[in-house]
Amino acid sequence: MKNGFWCVSALALGLLLAPGGAAVAQDAGLAGMHDWIRVGGRTCMRDHFHDGSGSGPTRAAAQRAAMRAWSDFTAFEYGPRWGSYGASIRQRMRCTGGPGNYSCDTSSLPCRR
């Protein structure tokens, strides 16, 4: 059991220390499961939308929270190069509520520069 742990640890360390290892692993990992297209100097997912939800006392605060949730999850799943909401395309934002209690949902296609 100890030998298995050390083998897995050594493999993980080797991936991280290899030139661009972590970035290559992420780009070739889950992001590689989807079709990509080129849009204005960016590489974007062709049809795989990501979503984010947020709430806040103002519409602007709820929108920021939804964009942050989108960015956090997308970066977690595909790596930080994919986690820029501003770089994503086909953005949609829907908000409900009123002063003091807004909720927003957003959806867009992740892109990397």
C-alpha atoms as a PDB file:
ATOM      1  CA  MET A   1       0.000   0.000   0.000  1.00  0.00           C
ATOM      2  CA  LYS A   2       2.861   2.388   0.852  1.00  0.00           C
ATOM      3  CA  ASN A   3       4.583   1.651  -2.457  1.00  0.00           C
ATOM      4  CA  GLY A   4       1.398   2.488  -4.378  1.00  0.00           C
ATOM      5  CA  PHE A   5       1.109   5.819  -2.577  1.00  0.00           C
ATOM      6  CA  TRP A   6       4.689   6.750  -3.433  1.00  0.00           C
ATOM      7  CA  CYS A   7       4.262   5.743  -7.090  1.00  0.00           C
ATOM      8  CA  VAL A   8       1.145   7.894  -7.461  1.00  0.00           C
ATOM      9  CA  SER A   9       2.824  10.775  -5.615  1.00  0.00           C
ATOM     10  CA  ALA A  10       5.903  10.575  -7.839  1.00  0.00           C
ATOM     11  CA  LEU A  11       3.751  10.540 -10.975  1.00  0.00           C
ATOM     12  CA  ALA A  12       1.783  13.598  -9.827  1.00  0.00           C
ATOM     13  CA  LEU A  13       4.971  15.452  -8.932  1.00  0.00           C
ATOM     14  CA  GLY A  14       6.472  14.588 -12.316  1.00  0.00           C
ATOM     15  CA  LEU A  15       3.432  16.007 -14.125  1.00  0.00           C
ATOM     16  CA  LEU A  16       3.617  19.229 -12.141  1.00  0.00           C
ATOM     17  CA  LEU A  17       7.370  19.683 -12.615  1.00  0.00           C
ATOM     18  CA  ALA A  18       7.405  18.891 -16.336  1.00  0.00           C
ATOM     19  CA  PRO A  19       7.589  22.041 -18.490  1.00  0.00           C
ATOM     20  CA  GLY A  20       3.983  23.206 -18.694  1.00  0.00           C
ATOM     21  CA  GLY A  21       2.872  19.959 -17.098  1.00  0.00           C
ATOM     22  CA  ALA A  22      -0.102  21.245 -15.121  1.00  0.00           C
ATOM     23  CA  ALA A  23      -1.323  23.479 -17.964  1.00  0.00           C
ATOM     24  CA  VAL A  24      -0.917  20.723 -20.545  1.00  0.00           C
ATOM     25  CA  ALA A  25      -2.711  18.233 -18.301  1.00  0.00           C
ATOM     26  CA  GLN A  26      -5.650  20.609 -17.819  1.00  0.00           C
ATOM     27  CA  ASP A  27      -5.936  21.616 -21.474  1.00  0.00           C
ATOM     28  CA  ALA A  28      -5.705  18.018 -22.601  1.00  0.00           C
ATOM     29  CA  GLY A  29      -7.958  16.824 -19.781  1.00  0.00           C
ATOM     30  CA  LEU A  30     -11.619  17.717 -19.432  1.00  0.00           C
ATOM     31  CA  ALA A  31     -11.451  20.612 -21.917  1.00  0.00           C
ATOM     32  CA  GLY A  32     -10.227  18.157 -24.536  1.00  0.00           C
ATOM     33  CA  MET A  33     -13.535  16.281 -24.345  1.00  0.00           C
ATOM     34  CA  HIS A  34     -15.322  19.141 -26.118  1.00  0.00           C
ATOM     35  CA  ASP A  35     -15.174  20.499 -29.667  1.00  0.00           C
ATOM     36  CA  TRP A  36     -13.403  23.856 -29.998  1.00  0.00           C
ATOM     37  CA  ILE A  37     -13.726  26.790 -32.385  1.00  0.00           C
ATOM     38  CA  ARG A  38     -11.545  29.867 -32.986  1.00  0.00           C
ATOM     39  CA  VAL A  39     -13.230  33.222 -32.308  1.00  0.00           C
ATOM     40  CA  GLY A  40     -11.277  36.487 -32.566  1.00  0.00           C
ATOM     41  CA  GLY A  41      -7.933  35.136 -31.359  1.00  0.00           C
ATOM     42  CA  ARG A  42      -9.529  32.916 -28.710  1.00  0.00           C
ATOM     43  CA  THR A  43     -10.130  29.201 -28.546  1.00  0.00           C
ATOM     44  CA  CYS A  44     -13.716  28.575 -27.403  1.00  0.00           C
ATOM     45  CA  MET A  45     -15.855  25.563 -26.711  1.00  0.00           C
ATOM     46  CA  ARG A  46     -18.197  25.072 -29.638  1.00  0.00           C
ATOM     47  CA  ASP A  47     -21.390  24.130 -27.785  1.00  0.00           C
ATOM     48  CA  HIS A  48     -20.609  23.340 -24.128  1.00  0.00           C
ATOM     49  CA  PHE A  49     -22.136  26.085 -21.974  1.00  0.00           C
ATOM     50  CA  HIS A  50     -21.200  26.726 -18.359  1.00  0.00           C
ATOM     51  CA  ASP A  51     -23.542  28.306 -15.825  1.00  0.00           C
ATOM     52  CA  GLY A  52     -23.213  30.416 -12.707  1.00  0.00           C
ATOM     53  CA  SER A  53     -25.689  31.767 -10.156  1.00  0.00           C
ATOM     54  CA  GLY A  54     -25.423  34.522  -7.598  1.00  0.00           C
ATOM     55  CA  SER A  55     -27.437  36.794  -5.379  1.00  0.00           C
ATOM     56  CA  GLY A  56     -26.968  40.155  -3.751  1.00  0.00           C
ATOM     57  CA  PRO A  57     -28.643  43.295  -2.444  1.00  0.00           C
ATOM     58  CA  THR A  58     -28.360  45.021  -5.838  1.00  0.00           C
ATOM     59  CA  ARG A  59     -28.680  43.791  -9.395  1.00  0.00           C
ATOM     60  CA  ALA A  60     -24.999  44.639 -10.038  1.00  0.00           C
ATOM     61  CA  ALA A  61     -23.870  42.690  -6.948  1.00  0.00           C
ATOM     62  CA  ALA A  62     -25.942  39.657  -8.002  1.00  0.00           C
ATOM     63  CA  GLN A  63     -24.494  39.832 -11.534  1.00  0.00           C
ATOM     64  CA  ARG A  64     -20.935  39.985 -10.174  1.00  0.00           C
ATOM     65  CA  ALA A  65     -21.656  36.995  -7.912  1.00  0.00           C
ATOM     66  CA  ALA A  66     -23.037  34.984 -10.863  1.00  0.00           C
ATOM     67  CA  MET A  67     -19.993  35.837 -13.020  1.00  0.00           C
ATOM     68  CA  ARG A  68     -17.641  34.910 -10.166  1.00  0.00           C
ATOM     69  CA  ALA A  69     -19.440  31.560  -9.694  1.00  0.00           C
ATOM     70  CA  TRP A  70     -19.144  30.918 -13.442  1.00  0.00           C
ATOM     71  CA  SER A  71     -15.425  31.776 -13.416  1.00  0.00           C
ATOM     72  CA  ASP A  72     -14.621  29.778 -10.282  1.00  0.00           C
ATOM     73  CA  PHE A  73     -16.253  26.579 -11.499  1.00  0.00           C
ATOM     74  CA  THR A  74     -14.942  26.867 -15.063  1.00  0.00           C
ATOM     75  CA  ALA A  75     -11.375  27.460 -13.837  1.00  0.00           C
ATOM     76  CA  PHE A  76     -11.713  24.531 -11.435  1.00  0.00           C
ATOM     77  CA  GLU A  77     -12.891  22.208 -14.195  1.00  0.00           C
ATOM     78  CA  TYR A  78     -10.617  23.310 -17.070  1.00  0.00           C
ATOM     79  CA  GLY A  79      -7.847  25.412 -15.519  1.00  0.00           C
ATOM     80  CA  PRO A  80      -7.381  29.162 -15.034  1.00  0.00           C
ATOM     81  CA  ARG A  81      -6.869  29.899 -18.744  1.00  0.00           C
ATOM     82  CA  TRP A  82     -10.522  28.938 -19.343  1.00  0.00           C
ATOM     83  CA  GLY A  83     -11.954  30.778 -16.316  1.00  0.00           C
ATOM     84  CA  SER A  84     -12.314  34.328 -17.673  1.00  0.00           C
ATOM     85  CA  TYR A  85     -15.990  35.250 -17.923  1.00  0.00           C
ATOM     86  CA  GLY A  86     -15.000  38.332 -19.918  1.00  0.00           C
ATOM     87  CA  ALA A  87     -13.312  36.155 -22.547  1.00  0.00           C
ATOM     88  CA  SER A  88     -16.304  33.811 -22.870  1.00  0.00           C
ATOM     89  CA  ILE A  89     -18.806  34.116 -25.723  1.00  0.00           C
ATOM     90  CA  ARG A  90     -22.591  33.947 -26.097  1.00  0.00           C
ATOM     91  CA  GLN A  91     -23.084  35.318 -22.598  1.00  0.00           C
ATOM     92  CA  ARG A  92     -26.615  35.338 -21.201  1.00  0.00           C
ATOM     93  CA  MET A  93     -27.639  36.877 -17.886  1.00  0.00           C
ATOM     94  CA  ARG A  94     -31.111  36.614 -16.325  1.00  0.00           C
ATOM     95  CA  CYS A  95     -31.948  38.392 -13.070  1.00  0.00           C
ATOM     96  CA  THR A  96     -35.022  38.394 -10.863  1.00  0.00           C
ATOM     97  CA  GLY A  97     -35.987  39.999  -7.582  1.00  0.00           C
ATOM     98  CA  GLY A  98     -35.978  43.548  -6.369  1.00  0.00           C
ATOM     99  CA  PRO A  99     -34.085  46.009  -4.193  1.00  0.00           C
ATOM    100  CA  GLY A 100     -32.309  44.200  -1.393  1.00  0.00           C
ATOM    101  CA  ASN A 101     -32.754  40.726  -2.884  1.00  0.00           C
ATOM    102  CA  TYR A 102     -31.657  40.032  -6.463  1.00  0.00           C
ATOM    103  CA  SER A 103     -30.746  36.665  -7.981  1.00  0.00           C
ATOM    104  CA  CYS A 104     -28.957  36.235 -11.303  1.00  0.00           C
ATOM    105  CA  ASP A 105     -28.136  33.245 -13.501  1.00  0.00           C
ATOM    106  CA  THR A 106     -25.596  33.391 -16.302  1.00  0.00           C
ATOM    107  CA  SER A 107     -24.532  31.034 -19.047  1.00  0.00           C
ATOM    108  CA  SER A 108     -21.765  31.269 -21.653  1.00  0.00           C
ATOM    109  CA  LEU A 109     -19.271  29.291 -23.703  1.00  0.00           C
ATOM    110  CA  PRO A 110     -15.778  29.201 -22.098  1.00  0.00           C
ATOM    111  CA  CYS A 111     -12.835  30.551 -24.106  1.00  0.00           C
ATOM    112  CA  ARG A 112      -9.106  30.805 -23.519  1.00  0.00           C
ATOM    113  CA  ARG A 113      -6.765  33.391 -24.990  1.00  0.00           C
END
